[in-house]
Amino acid sequence: MELIYQITNELWKRILDWMKEEKNQERFLWACFGISLLPILVLSFFNHPVMDDFNYGILTHRAFVENKGLGCIIPVLKAAVQRSVNLWHGWQGTFTFAVIGALRPSIFTEKLTFTHTFILLGLFIGGFVYFSKIVLHRILGLSKHVAMIIAVLVMTLCIQYVPVGLEAFYWWIGSIGYTGMFGVMLVLFAMLFLCKYEKRITAKRMAAMTAMAFLLSGGMYPILLLTAVLLVLNLLDVLIGKQYEKSMKIQITVMNVIFFAGFILNVAAPGNSRRQSNFEPRTPVEAVYKSYTKSLEYLFECTNVVIALVMIGLFVYMLYKLKDTKFSFRCPLMFTLVSYSMVVVMWVPAIYAVRFISGGRYYNILYYGVIMFYTANVIYYAGWLRRKYEKCEEQIQKLVRDLAPLILGVLAVFCVILGFLKINIVRDLEEITSATALKSMVYGEAQVYHREIKEREAMYNDPSLREVVVEEVTYRPELLYFGTLTPDPDESRNQAMCDYYDKDYMVKLVPEEEETGEDSAGEAEDSSEEAELE
């Protein structure tokens, strides 16, 4: 027994010594983060196209089928552009999103559907990492390791507690325009901040920022509006600021002109008028007011005890780590107002146009915004307190240092009590994306779903079979199932799949006891989109 104690004690000491270095702390968190992603990535191999994946891919899939080999590249790209043109005229002005949506990897073969999750996570993680590296390391002055530690913590909260995981990392059409483009937006913002910090824009960086700005100008409206607001504020600051050279003023102006050309092309689309005719919009002033009130409600609604505990820990951590930075952290209340307003901006398009937030994919990016708002303010207020402490007299600083162990002890006890009172292991585990993915695989739901959909796809891809009738799947995995065929052969989803697979008739049989209310509101949402526009 004593030998076991000595070995354990020695091992624990070595672990603590190893964890004292920032680079090892970063390595440990990256390892934990990678392990946490494994169930999400493994589940992607059971994923299949659903809903508007077929709508958006009709023309590109047809172009691929009709043109074999490398000769299909140009026809497929032309088909994606044509799909965008059709949507622009008849449904929605998001022209770059339509092109990307039509070019989903699985139009070539359903076997590539797993790549959707890898691409979406790659865009999201890449955006967060780059943003943290630029803002926290290059501009704020924290070490690279601390910047990455913060990035991993924030990404973990965003991914594991995302409101609707299916529409974040599995459903291509529901994910790429929101979660995917959110990552691209973070890269653009980071580059803009870096250019202002360095007071210059290189040719490569100018090309990259302009391309991303144009990409976002044809994207979904919450990200579009937030990008527009930040670009305008950045343009005004650069034009007014005497510290910026004339060449930089011209570059920023050119980038804004290109972005707002795409912006106008997006919002002025005839299809927007058609879609808007189904709703009664609010006035702009009312939309802004309602966005502030509704976003405040959502702020408390989406915040759980795990998020609160992580933010408390991050605040204490930053009080220590910000000692070597030179940033002033002035006007914290103004920072809170401005940073929160950036979150509110993403609410305005939906509140203005349709009076409510529609779709889990929309709530996903609003949630990302909330987590980033919390993180930014935790760091900013920690820095502000740190600067106040540094300006105090030596006697007061000594008193604070003497009281620090007591304060930290009380805070630790508070966190432990809060955790015991508020954390429900069973319920809270079900909210975690990785746990949901793991549960689907452990219970066998994902495997059965995958097998049944593959059997369907064999029928879909059989050219000799003109009429397809299928039964409902046995299981509906939460992160994978979003509906495909319906019992009504004339329903737009069925018609879109008929066009996609070149069939005369496709329908799903439903037992009589399940016919009433079979289609949920979530499945029906946006499902009527433009099948007739091809």
Protein backbone atom coordinates (compact mmCIF):
# COMPACT_ATOMS: atom_id res chain seq x y z
CA MET A 1 0.00 0.00 0.00
CA GLU A 2 2.80 2.40 0.88
CA LEU A 3 4.54 1.62 -2.42
CA ILE A 4 1.35 2.42 -4.35
CA TYR A 5 1.04 5.71 -2.43
CA GLN A 6 4.63 6.68 -3.22
CA ILE A 7 4.24 5.86 -6.93
CA THR A 8 0.97 7.79 -7.13
CA ASN A 9 2.40 10.76 -5.25
CA GLU A 10 5.49 10.89 -7.45
CA LEU A 11 3.39 10.63 -10.62
CA TRP A 12 1.10 13.41 -9.43
CA LYS A 13 4.07 15.67 -8.73
CA ARG A 14 5.45 15.07 -12.21
CA ILE A 15 2.08 15.87 -13.79
CA LEU A 16 1.83 19.10 -11.79
CA ASP A 17 5.38 20.10 -12.74
CA TRP A 18 4.63 19.33 -16.40
CA MET A 19 1.41 21.37 -16.29
CA LYS A 20 3.17 24.45 -14.91
CA GLU A 21 4.40 25.36 -18.39
CA GLU A 22 1.96 27.18 -20.67
CA LYS A 23 2.88 25.09 -23.70
CA ASN A 24 2.02 21.90 -21.82
CA GLN A 25 -1.28 23.37 -20.64
CA GLU A 26 -2.07 24.12 -24.28
CA ARG A 27 -1.08 20.61 -25.38
CA PHE A 28 -3.27 19.06 -22.70
CA LEU A 29 -6.31 21.14 -23.68
CA TRP A 30 -5.79 20.44 -27.39
CA ALA A 31 -5.64 16.72 -26.61
CA CYS A 32 -8.88 16.92 -24.62
CA PHE A 33 -10.47 18.99 -27.37
CA GLY A 34 -9.45 16.48 -30.03
CA ILE A 35 -10.86 13.59 -28.00
CA SER A 36 -14.13 15.48 -27.49
CA LEU A 37 -14.50 15.87 -31.27
CA LEU A 38 -14.04 12.17 -32.02
CA PRO A 39 -17.72 11.15 -31.52
CA ILE A 40 -18.86 14.08 -33.70
CA LEU A 41 -16.45 13.15 -36.48
CA VAL A 42 -17.13 9.41 -36.28
CA LEU A 43 -20.89 10.03 -36.46
CA SER A 44 -20.34 11.92 -39.73
CA PHE A 45 -19.66 8.58 -41.46
CA PHE A 46 -23.33 7.70 -40.86
CA ASN A 47 -24.59 10.99 -42.31
CA HIS A 48 -26.62 11.40 -45.52
CA PRO A 49 -28.02 14.36 -47.52
CA VAL A 50 -31.38 15.64 -46.29
CA MET A 51 -34.01 18.28 -47.02
CA ASP A 52 -32.82 21.16 -49.21
CA ASP A 53 -29.52 19.44 -49.91
CA PHE A 54 -31.41 17.97 -52.86
CA ASN A 55 -33.09 21.23 -53.85
CA TYR A 56 -29.82 23.10 -54.10
CA GLY A 57 -27.96 20.24 -55.76
CA ILE A 58 -30.35 19.35 -58.58
CA LEU A 59 -28.50 21.16 -61.38
CA THR A 60 -24.97 20.41 -60.20
CA HIS A 61 -25.72 16.72 -59.64
CA ARG A 62 -27.29 16.48 -63.08
CA ALA A 63 -24.26 18.19 -64.64
CA PHE A 64 -21.95 15.70 -62.93
CA VAL A 65 -23.99 12.69 -64.09
CA GLU A 66 -24.09 13.92 -67.68
CA ASN A 67 -20.38 14.84 -67.89
CA LYS A 68 -17.90 12.22 -66.74
CA GLY A 69 -14.27 12.71 -65.72
CA LEU A 70 -12.52 16.07 -65.52
CA GLY A 71 -14.87 17.30 -68.21
CA CYS A 72 -17.56 17.70 -65.55
CA ILE A 73 -15.78 20.53 -63.72
CA ILE A 74 -16.87 23.42 -65.94
CA PRO A 75 -20.48 22.15 -66.38
CA VAL A 76 -20.82 21.63 -62.62
CA LEU A 77 -19.54 25.14 -61.88
CA LYS A 78 -21.89 26.60 -64.51
CA ALA A 79 -24.76 24.66 -62.96
CA ALA A 80 -23.93 26.07 -59.51
CA VAL A 81 -23.99 29.61 -60.90
CA GLN A 82 -27.27 28.89 -62.70
CA ARG A 83 -28.72 27.61 -59.43
CA SER A 84 -27.71 30.88 -57.80
CA VAL A 85 -29.32 32.89 -60.62
CA ASN A 86 -32.55 30.92 -60.29
CA LEU A 87 -32.69 31.54 -56.56
CA TRP A 88 -31.80 35.21 -56.96
CA HIS A 89 -34.76 35.75 -59.27
CA GLY A 90 -37.27 33.55 -57.53
CA TRP A 91 -36.48 33.09 -53.84
CA GLN A 92 -33.52 34.78 -52.14
CA GLY A 93 -30.59 37.03 -53.01
CA THR A 94 -27.87 35.03 -51.21
CA PHE A 95 -25.94 34.35 -54.42
CA THR A 96 -22.60 33.09 -53.05
CA PHE A 97 -24.34 30.90 -50.50
CA ALA A 98 -26.41 29.34 -53.29
CA VAL A 99 -23.26 28.49 -55.25
CA ILE A 100 -21.60 26.92 -52.21
CA GLY A 101 -24.79 25.08 -51.30
CA ALA A 102 -25.05 23.65 -54.82
CA LEU A 103 -21.42 22.47 -54.69
CA ARG A 104 -21.75 20.23 -51.64
CA PRO A 105 -19.27 17.33 -51.89
CA SER A 106 -21.97 14.66 -51.80
CA ILE A 107 -23.42 15.68 -55.18
CA PHE A 108 -20.68 13.49 -56.66
CA THR A 109 -21.45 10.49 -54.44
CA GLU A 110 -23.32 10.04 -51.16
CA LYS A 111 -20.17 8.36 -49.81
CA LEU A 112 -18.63 11.84 -49.47
CA THR A 113 -21.32 13.09 -47.09
CA PHE A 114 -18.98 12.56 -44.13
CA THR A 115 -16.77 15.36 -45.50
CA HIS A 116 -19.51 17.89 -44.70
CA THR A 117 -18.77 17.65 -40.98
CA PHE A 118 -15.00 17.82 -41.50
CA ILE A 119 -15.34 20.93 -43.69
CA LEU A 120 -17.75 22.69 -41.34
CA LEU A 121 -15.67 21.97 -38.24
CA GLY A 122 -12.54 22.96 -40.15
CA LEU A 123 -13.97 26.35 -41.12
CA PHE A 124 -15.30 26.96 -37.62
CA ILE A 125 -12.16 25.89 -35.74
CA GLY A 126 -9.83 27.54 -38.24
CA GLY A 127 -11.70 30.83 -37.90
CA PHE A 128 -11.62 30.77 -34.11
CA VAL A 129 -7.96 29.81 -33.92
CA TYR A 130 -6.88 32.51 -36.37
CA PHE A 131 -9.06 35.14 -34.69
CA SER A 132 -7.64 34.27 -31.25
CA LYS A 133 -4.08 34.25 -32.55
CA ILE A 134 -4.41 37.73 -34.05
CA VAL A 135 -6.56 39.46 -31.43
CA LEU A 136 -5.23 37.87 -28.25
CA HIS A 137 -1.59 37.28 -29.21
CA ARG A 138 -0.60 39.83 -31.85
CA ILE A 139 -2.76 42.77 -30.69
CA LEU A 140 -3.45 42.20 -27.01
CA GLY A 141 0.01 40.83 -26.26
CA LEU A 142 -0.78 37.50 -24.61
CA SER A 143 1.53 34.59 -25.32
CA LYS A 144 0.65 32.21 -28.18
CA HIS A 145 -0.02 29.45 -25.68
CA VAL A 146 -2.46 31.52 -23.61
CA ALA A 147 -4.24 32.67 -26.77
CA MET A 148 -4.71 29.07 -27.85
CA ILE A 149 -5.84 28.01 -24.37
CA ILE A 150 -8.60 30.61 -24.53
CA ALA A 151 -9.48 29.59 -28.10
CA VAL A 152 -9.86 25.93 -27.10
CA LEU A 153 -12.08 26.81 -24.14
CA VAL A 154 -14.33 29.03 -26.25
CA MET A 155 -14.55 26.53 -29.12
CA THR A 156 -15.42 23.74 -26.70
CA LEU A 157 -18.34 25.72 -25.28
CA CYS A 158 -19.52 26.67 -28.76
CA ILE A 159 -19.35 23.17 -30.22
CA GLN A 160 -20.52 21.11 -27.28
CA TYR A 161 -23.47 23.32 -26.30
CA VAL A 162 -24.51 24.50 -29.76
CA PRO A 163 -28.34 24.69 -29.77
CA VAL A 164 -28.93 22.45 -32.81
CA GLY A 165 -25.95 20.27 -33.65
CA LEU A 166 -27.57 18.83 -36.76
CA GLU A 167 -27.78 22.30 -38.32
CA ALA A 168 -24.28 23.20 -37.18
CA PHE A 169 -22.08 20.32 -38.35
CA TYR A 170 -24.10 17.76 -40.36
CA TRP A 171 -26.74 19.29 -42.63
CA TRP A 172 -24.79 21.00 -45.42
CA ILE A 173 -27.39 23.56 -46.56
CA GLY A 174 -28.40 24.39 -43.00
CA SER A 175 -24.81 24.65 -41.78
CA ILE A 176 -22.50 26.09 -44.42
CA GLY A 177 -24.23 29.46 -44.64
CA TYR A 178 -24.27 29.94 -40.88
CA THR A 179 -21.67 27.99 -38.89
CA GLY A 180 -19.33 27.69 -41.89
CA MET A 181 -19.48 31.35 -42.89
CA PHE A 182 -19.23 32.41 -39.24
CA GLY A 183 -15.71 30.97 -39.28
CA VAL A 184 -14.89 32.84 -42.52
CA MET A 185 -16.22 36.04 -40.97
CA LEU A 186 -13.89 35.66 -37.98
CA VAL A 187 -10.89 35.34 -40.30
CA LEU A 188 -11.90 38.51 -42.16
CA PHE A 189 -12.38 40.44 -38.93
CA ALA A 190 -9.03 39.25 -37.58
CA MET A 191 -7.26 40.37 -40.77
CA LEU A 192 -8.91 43.79 -40.59
CA PHE A 193 -7.83 44.21 -36.96
CA LEU A 194 -4.29 43.14 -37.82
CA CYS A 195 -4.06 45.57 -40.74
CA LYS A 196 -5.16 48.43 -38.52
CA TYR A 197 -2.71 47.35 -35.84
CA GLU A 198 0.18 47.21 -38.33
CA LYS A 199 -1.14 50.23 -40.29
CA ARG A 200 -0.54 48.53 -43.62
CA ILE A 201 -2.14 45.99 -45.96
CA THR A 202 0.01 43.65 -48.02
CA ALA A 203 -1.10 42.62 -51.51
CA LYS A 204 -1.79 39.02 -50.46
CA ARG A 205 -3.79 40.11 -47.44
CA MET A 206 -5.75 42.60 -49.55
CA ALA A 207 -6.65 39.87 -52.05
CA ALA A 208 -7.70 37.48 -49.28
CA MET A 209 -9.82 40.06 -47.45
CA THR A 210 -11.52 41.23 -50.63
CA ALA A 211 -12.36 37.65 -51.61
CA MET A 212 -13.80 36.90 -48.18
CA ALA A 213 -15.73 40.18 -48.11
CA PHE A 214 -17.32 39.37 -51.47
CA LEU A 215 -18.08 35.83 -50.32
CA LEU A 216 -19.85 37.15 -47.23
CA SER A 217 -21.68 39.82 -49.23
CA GLY A 218 -23.69 37.08 -50.92
CA GLY A 219 -24.27 35.11 -47.75
CA MET A 220 -26.96 34.81 -45.12
CA TYR A 221 -28.31 38.06 -43.70
CA PRO A 222 -27.28 37.95 -40.01
CA ILE A 223 -23.61 37.48 -40.94
CA LEU A 224 -24.01 39.85 -43.89
CA LEU A 225 -25.32 42.68 -41.69
CA LEU A 226 -22.70 42.19 -38.97
CA THR A 227 -19.95 42.25 -41.60
CA ALA A 228 -21.44 45.40 -43.15
CA VAL A 229 -21.56 47.21 -39.80
CA LEU A 230 -17.97 46.35 -38.93
CA LEU A 231 -16.67 47.25 -42.40
CA VAL A 232 -18.39 50.65 -42.29
CA LEU A 233 -17.00 51.41 -38.82
CA ASN A 234 -13.56 50.27 -39.94
CA LEU A 235 -13.75 52.41 -43.10
CA LEU A 236 -14.72 55.54 -41.16
CA ASP A 237 -11.92 55.02 -38.66
CA VAL A 238 -9.31 54.51 -41.38
CA LEU A 239 -10.48 57.50 -43.46
CA ILE A 240 -10.53 59.82 -40.45
CA GLY A 241 -7.38 58.51 -38.78
CA LYS A 242 -4.26 60.49 -39.60
CA GLN A 243 -2.00 57.59 -38.66
CA TYR A 244 -3.03 55.60 -41.75
CA GLU A 245 -1.32 56.13 -45.10
CA LYS A 246 -3.21 57.13 -48.23
CA SER A 247 -2.58 53.75 -49.86
CA MET A 248 -4.30 51.98 -46.96
CA LYS A 249 -7.27 54.35 -47.14
CA ILE A 250 -7.64 53.52 -50.84
CA GLN A 251 -7.36 49.76 -50.21
CA ILE A 252 -10.00 49.79 -47.49
CA THR A 253 -12.29 51.89 -49.67
CA VAL A 254 -11.92 49.51 -52.62
CA MET A 255 -12.70 46.52 -50.41
CA ASN A 256 -15.82 48.24 -49.09
CA VAL A 257 -16.98 49.13 -52.59
CA ILE A 258 -16.68 45.49 -53.69
CA PHE A 259 -18.44 44.26 -50.54
CA PHE A 260 -21.33 46.71 -50.81
CA ALA A 261 -21.74 45.98 -54.52
CA GLY A 262 -22.37 42.37 -53.50
CA PHE A 263 -24.50 43.57 -50.57
CA ILE A 264 -26.78 45.53 -52.90
CA LEU A 265 -26.93 42.63 -55.34
CA ASN A 266 -27.99 40.42 -52.45
CA VAL A 267 -30.68 42.56 -50.81
CA ALA A 268 -32.09 43.91 -54.10
CA ALA A 269 -32.84 40.45 -55.52
CA PRO A 270 -36.37 40.06 -56.96
CA GLY A 271 -36.65 36.80 -55.06
CA ASN A 272 -36.49 38.65 -51.75
CA SER A 273 -39.68 40.53 -52.61
CA ARG A 274 -41.43 37.28 -53.40
CA ARG A 275 -40.37 35.70 -50.14
CA GLN A 276 -41.09 38.84 -48.12
CA SER A 277 -44.68 38.91 -49.42
CA ASN A 278 -45.41 36.09 -46.97
CA PHE A 279 -44.58 38.28 -43.97
CA GLU A 280 -45.36 41.71 -42.58
CA PRO A 281 -42.03 43.40 -41.71
CA ARG A 282 -41.42 45.63 -38.72
CA THR A 283 -40.17 49.17 -39.01
CA PRO A 284 -36.35 49.47 -38.73
CA VAL A 285 -36.57 51.25 -35.37
CA GLU A 286 -38.94 48.64 -33.98
CA ALA A 287 -36.71 45.85 -35.30
CA VAL A 288 -33.64 47.28 -33.53
CA TYR A 289 -35.54 47.75 -30.27
CA LYS A 290 -37.02 44.25 -30.38
CA SER A 291 -33.62 42.80 -31.24
CA TYR A 292 -32.12 44.28 -28.06
CA THR A 293 -34.94 42.99 -25.85
CA LYS A 294 -35.17 39.53 -27.39
CA SER A 295 -31.40 39.06 -27.45
CA LEU A 296 -31.25 39.96 -23.77
CA GLU A 297 -33.82 37.27 -23.01
CA TYR A 298 -31.84 34.77 -25.06
CA LEU A 299 -28.64 35.75 -23.25
CA PHE A 300 -30.02 34.32 -20.01
CA GLU A 301 -31.88 31.49 -21.70
CA CYS A 302 -28.80 29.96 -23.37
CA THR A 303 -26.41 30.43 -20.43
CA ASN A 304 -26.01 27.31 -18.34
CA VAL A 305 -23.96 26.71 -15.21
CA VAL A 306 -21.05 25.15 -17.13
CA ILE A 307 -20.66 28.33 -19.19
CA ALA A 308 -20.83 30.43 -16.02
CA LEU A 309 -18.17 28.33 -14.26
CA VAL A 310 -15.84 28.44 -17.29
CA MET A 311 -16.17 32.22 -17.47
CA ILE A 312 -15.43 32.60 -13.75
CA GLY A 313 -12.33 30.46 -14.14
CA LEU A 314 -11.26 32.39 -17.23
CA PHE A 315 -11.66 35.69 -15.37
CA VAL A 316 -9.34 34.58 -12.57
CA TYR A 317 -6.87 33.15 -15.09
CA MET A 318 -6.79 36.41 -17.07
CA LEU A 319 -6.22 38.52 -13.95
CA TYR A 320 -2.84 36.82 -13.73
CA LYS A 321 -1.98 36.42 -17.41
CA LEU A 322 -2.67 40.04 -18.36
CA LYS A 323 0.12 41.31 -16.13
CA ASP A 324 2.59 41.31 -19.04
CA THR A 325 0.33 43.08 -21.55
CA LYS A 326 0.31 46.82 -22.20
CA PHE A 327 -3.26 47.26 -23.41
CA SER A 328 -5.07 49.95 -21.40
CA PHE A 329 -8.59 48.43 -21.18
CA ARG A 330 -10.27 51.80 -20.83
CA CYS A 331 -14.04 52.48 -20.69
CA PRO A 332 -15.23 48.93 -19.88
CA LEU A 333 -18.92 49.88 -19.87
CA MET A 334 -18.61 51.32 -23.36
CA PHE A 335 -16.86 48.15 -24.47
CA THR A 336 -19.74 46.07 -23.09
CA LEU A 337 -22.32 48.18 -24.90
CA VAL A 338 -20.48 48.04 -28.23
CA SER A 339 -19.65 44.33 -28.02
CA TYR A 340 -23.21 43.45 -27.08
CA SER A 341 -24.53 45.59 -29.92
CA MET A 342 -22.48 43.46 -32.31
CA VAL A 343 -24.41 40.41 -31.06
CA VAL A 344 -27.71 42.27 -31.43
CA VAL A 345 -26.90 43.16 -35.04
CA MET A 346 -27.25 39.49 -35.99
CA TRP A 347 -30.81 39.46 -34.62
CA VAL A 348 -32.02 42.41 -36.70
CA PRO A 349 -32.51 40.77 -40.15
CA ALA A 350 -34.93 38.12 -38.87
CA ILE A 351 -36.72 40.39 -36.40
CA TYR A 352 -37.18 42.99 -39.15
CA ALA A 353 -38.20 40.67 -41.99
CA VAL A 354 -40.19 37.84 -40.39
CA ARG A 355 -40.54 39.02 -36.74
CA PHE A 356 -38.91 35.92 -35.23
CA ILE A 357 -35.81 33.73 -35.42
CA SER A 358 -36.48 30.77 -37.70
CA GLY A 359 -34.31 27.68 -37.65
CA GLY A 360 -31.79 26.19 -35.27
CA ARG A 361 -28.98 27.22 -37.64
CA TYR A 362 -29.80 30.88 -36.92
CA TYR A 363 -29.81 30.28 -33.16
CA ASN A 364 -26.45 28.53 -33.51
CA ILE A 365 -24.62 31.67 -34.65
CA LEU A 366 -26.48 33.78 -32.09
CA TYR A 367 -25.18 31.39 -29.45
CA TYR A 368 -21.62 31.69 -30.80
CA GLY A 369 -22.03 35.46 -30.51
CA VAL A 370 -23.13 35.18 -26.88
CA ILE A 371 -20.12 33.03 -25.96
CA MET A 372 -17.74 35.44 -27.71
CA PHE A 373 -19.44 38.37 -25.95
CA TYR A 374 -18.92 36.71 -22.57
CA THR A 375 -15.30 35.86 -23.36
CA ALA A 376 -14.44 39.33 -24.64
CA ASN A 377 -15.93 41.03 -21.59
CA VAL A 378 -14.36 38.61 -19.11
CA ILE A 379 -10.94 39.38 -20.62
CA TYR A 380 -11.62 43.12 -20.85
CA TYR A 381 -12.85 43.52 -17.26
CA ALA A 382 -10.02 41.36 -15.96
CA GLY A 383 -7.60 43.65 -17.80
CA TRP A 384 -9.34 46.75 -16.49
CA LEU A 385 -9.06 45.50 -12.88
CA ARG A 386 -5.45 44.54 -13.49
CA ARG A 387 -4.62 48.08 -14.63
CA LYS A 388 -6.44 49.56 -11.63
CA TYR A 389 -4.44 47.28 -9.35
CA GLU A 390 -1.16 48.33 -10.97
CA LYS A 391 -1.96 52.02 -10.34
CA CYS A 392 -2.56 51.46 -6.63
CA GLU A 393 0.02 52.25 -4.00
CA GLU A 394 2.32 49.47 -2.81
CA GLN A 395 0.46 49.11 0.49
CA ILE A 396 -2.85 48.47 -1.23
CA GLN A 397 -1.22 46.05 -3.68
CA LYS A 398 0.26 44.14 -0.74
CA LEU A 399 -3.14 44.01 0.96
CA VAL A 400 -4.72 42.63 -2.23
CA ARG A 401 -1.97 40.02 -2.56
CA ASP A 402 -2.45 38.97 1.07
CA LEU A 403 -6.20 38.66 0.61
CA ALA A 404 -5.93 36.87 -2.74
CA PRO A 405 -5.78 33.31 -1.26
CA LEU A 406 -8.88 34.02 0.84
CA ILE A 407 -10.78 35.51 -2.11
CA LEU A 408 -9.83 32.61 -4.38
CA GLY A 409 -10.83 30.12 -1.69
CA VAL A 410 -14.25 31.71 -1.26
CA LEU A 411 -14.69 31.81 -5.03
CA ALA A 412 -13.72 28.14 -5.33
CA VAL A 413 -16.23 27.15 -2.65
CA PHE A 414 -18.90 29.19 -4.43
CA CYS A 415 -18.17 27.43 -7.72
CA VAL A 416 -18.28 23.99 -6.10
CA ILE A 417 -21.62 24.76 -4.41
CA LEU A 418 -23.01 26.20 -7.65
CA GLY A 419 -21.91 23.11 -9.51
CA PHE A 420 -23.51 20.72 -7.01
CA LEU A 421 -26.77 22.68 -6.93
CA LYS A 422 -27.18 23.39 -10.64
CA ILE A 423 -25.42 20.65 -12.60
CA ASN A 424 -27.62 17.69 -13.41
CA ILE A 425 -25.29 15.02 -14.76
CA VAL A 426 -27.91 13.11 -16.76
CA ARG A 427 -29.77 16.11 -18.15
CA ASP A 428 -26.68 18.22 -18.87
CA LEU A 429 -24.89 15.33 -20.58
CA GLU A 430 -27.75 15.12 -23.07
CA GLU A 431 -27.10 18.74 -24.05
CA ILE A 432 -23.50 18.01 -25.04
CA THR A 433 -23.06 17.45 -28.76
CA SER A 434 -20.42 14.74 -28.40
CA ALA A 435 -22.55 12.87 -25.86
CA THR A 436 -25.52 12.98 -28.22
CA ALA A 437 -23.37 11.67 -31.07
CA LEU A 438 -21.92 8.92 -28.89
CA LYS A 439 -25.35 7.89 -27.64
CA SER A 440 -26.64 7.50 -31.21
CA MET A 441 -23.77 5.14 -32.02
CA VAL A 442 -23.73 3.19 -28.75
CA TYR A 443 -27.47 2.50 -28.95
CA GLY A 444 -27.07 1.49 -32.60
CA GLU A 445 -29.48 4.14 -33.91
CA ALA A 446 -26.91 5.67 -36.25
CA GLN A 447 -25.89 2.30 -37.68
CA VAL A 448 -29.47 1.23 -38.40
CA TYR A 449 -30.29 4.63 -39.90
CA HIS A 450 -27.17 4.46 -42.08
CA ARG A 451 -28.02 0.98 -43.35
CA GLU A 452 -31.62 1.87 -44.18
CA ILE A 453 -30.71 5.10 -45.98
CA LYS A 454 -28.03 3.27 -47.98
CA GLU A 455 -30.69 0.80 -49.09
CA ARG A 456 -32.83 3.74 -50.14
CA GLU A 457 -29.96 5.38 -52.02
CA ALA A 458 -29.37 2.15 -53.96
CA MET A 459 -32.95 2.48 -55.18
CA TYR A 460 -32.57 6.21 -55.85
CA ASN A 461 -29.48 5.62 -58.01
CA ASP A 462 -30.95 2.70 -59.96
CA PRO A 463 -31.76 4.14 -63.42
CA SER A 464 -34.11 1.25 -64.22
CA LEU A 465 -36.34 2.09 -61.26
CA ARG A 466 -38.66 4.98 -62.20
CA GLU A 467 -40.96 4.91 -59.17
CA VAL A 468 -39.67 4.69 -55.60
CA VAL A 469 -41.72 3.89 -52.52
CA VAL A 470 -39.94 3.65 -49.14
CA GLU A 471 -40.92 3.10 -45.53
CA GLU A 472 -40.07 5.37 -42.63
CA VAL A 473 -36.67 4.80 -41.04
CA THR A 474 -36.60 2.79 -37.83
CA TYR A 475 -34.66 5.40 -35.86
CA ARG A 476 -34.25 9.15 -36.20
CA PRO A 477 -30.82 10.08 -34.78
CA GLU A 478 -31.01 13.59 -33.36
CA LEU A 479 -27.90 14.84 -35.16
CA LEU A 480 -28.60 13.14 -38.50
CA TYR A 481 -32.32 12.92 -39.22
CA PHE A 482 -34.08 15.96 -40.67
CA GLY A 483 -36.52 14.32 -43.05
CA THR A 484 -36.41 13.59 -46.77
CA LEU A 485 -39.40 12.05 -48.55
CA THR A 486 -42.97 12.64 -47.32
CA PRO A 487 -46.25 10.74 -47.84
CA ASP A 488 -47.39 13.38 -50.35
CA PRO A 489 -45.87 12.74 -53.80
CA ASP A 490 -46.67 16.30 -54.86
CA GLU A 491 -44.87 17.86 -51.88
CA SER A 492 -41.91 20.05 -52.91
CA ARG A 493 -39.34 17.84 -51.17
CA ASN A 494 -40.52 14.79 -53.07
CA GLN A 495 -40.54 16.70 -56.34
CA ALA A 496 -37.00 17.99 -55.69
CA MET A 497 -35.75 14.46 -55.05
CA CYS A 498 -37.48 13.24 -58.21
CA ASP A 499 -35.60 15.88 -60.18
CA TYR A 500 -32.36 15.15 -58.37
CA TYR A 501 -32.43 11.38 -59.00
CA ASP A 502 -34.38 11.56 -62.30
CA LYS A 503 -37.43 9.64 -61.08
CA ASP A 504 -41.09 9.83 -62.04
CA TYR A 505 -42.52 9.24 -58.58
CA MET A 506 -41.08 9.15 -55.05
CA VAL A 507 -43.03 8.78 -51.82
CA LYS A 508 -42.72 7.53 -48.26
CA LEU A 509 -45.24 5.12 -46.77
CA VAL A 510 -46.41 5.97 -43.26
CA PRO A 511 -48.44 3.68 -40.97
CA GLU A 512 -51.96 4.95 -40.41
CA GLU A 513 -51.41 5.68 -36.72
CA GLU A 514 -48.47 7.95 -37.58
CA GLU A 515 -50.06 9.89 -40.43
CA THR A 516 -51.49 12.62 -38.24
CA GLY A 517 -48.89 15.26 -37.47
CA GLU A 518 -46.07 13.15 -38.91
CA ASP A 519 -44.14 16.09 -40.27
CA SER A 520 -42.81 18.38 -37.58
CA ALA A 521 -42.52 22.12 -37.96
CA GLY A 522 -38.75 21.77 -38.04
CA GLU A 523 -38.90 19.43 -40.99
CA ALA A 524 -41.30 21.63 -42.90
CA GLU A 525 -39.26 24.78 -42.40
CA ASP A 526 -37.90 26.13 -45.66
CA SER A 527 -38.71 22.79 -47.29
CA SER A 528 -40.96 24.43 -49.87
CA GLU A 529 -38.01 26.29 -51.32
CA GLU A 530 -37.80 26.71 -55.04
CA ALA A 531 -38.02 23.15 -56.37
CA GLU A 532 -39.91 24.64 -59.30
CA LEU A 533 -37.25 27.20 -60.13
CA GLU A 534 -35.03 24.86 -62.09
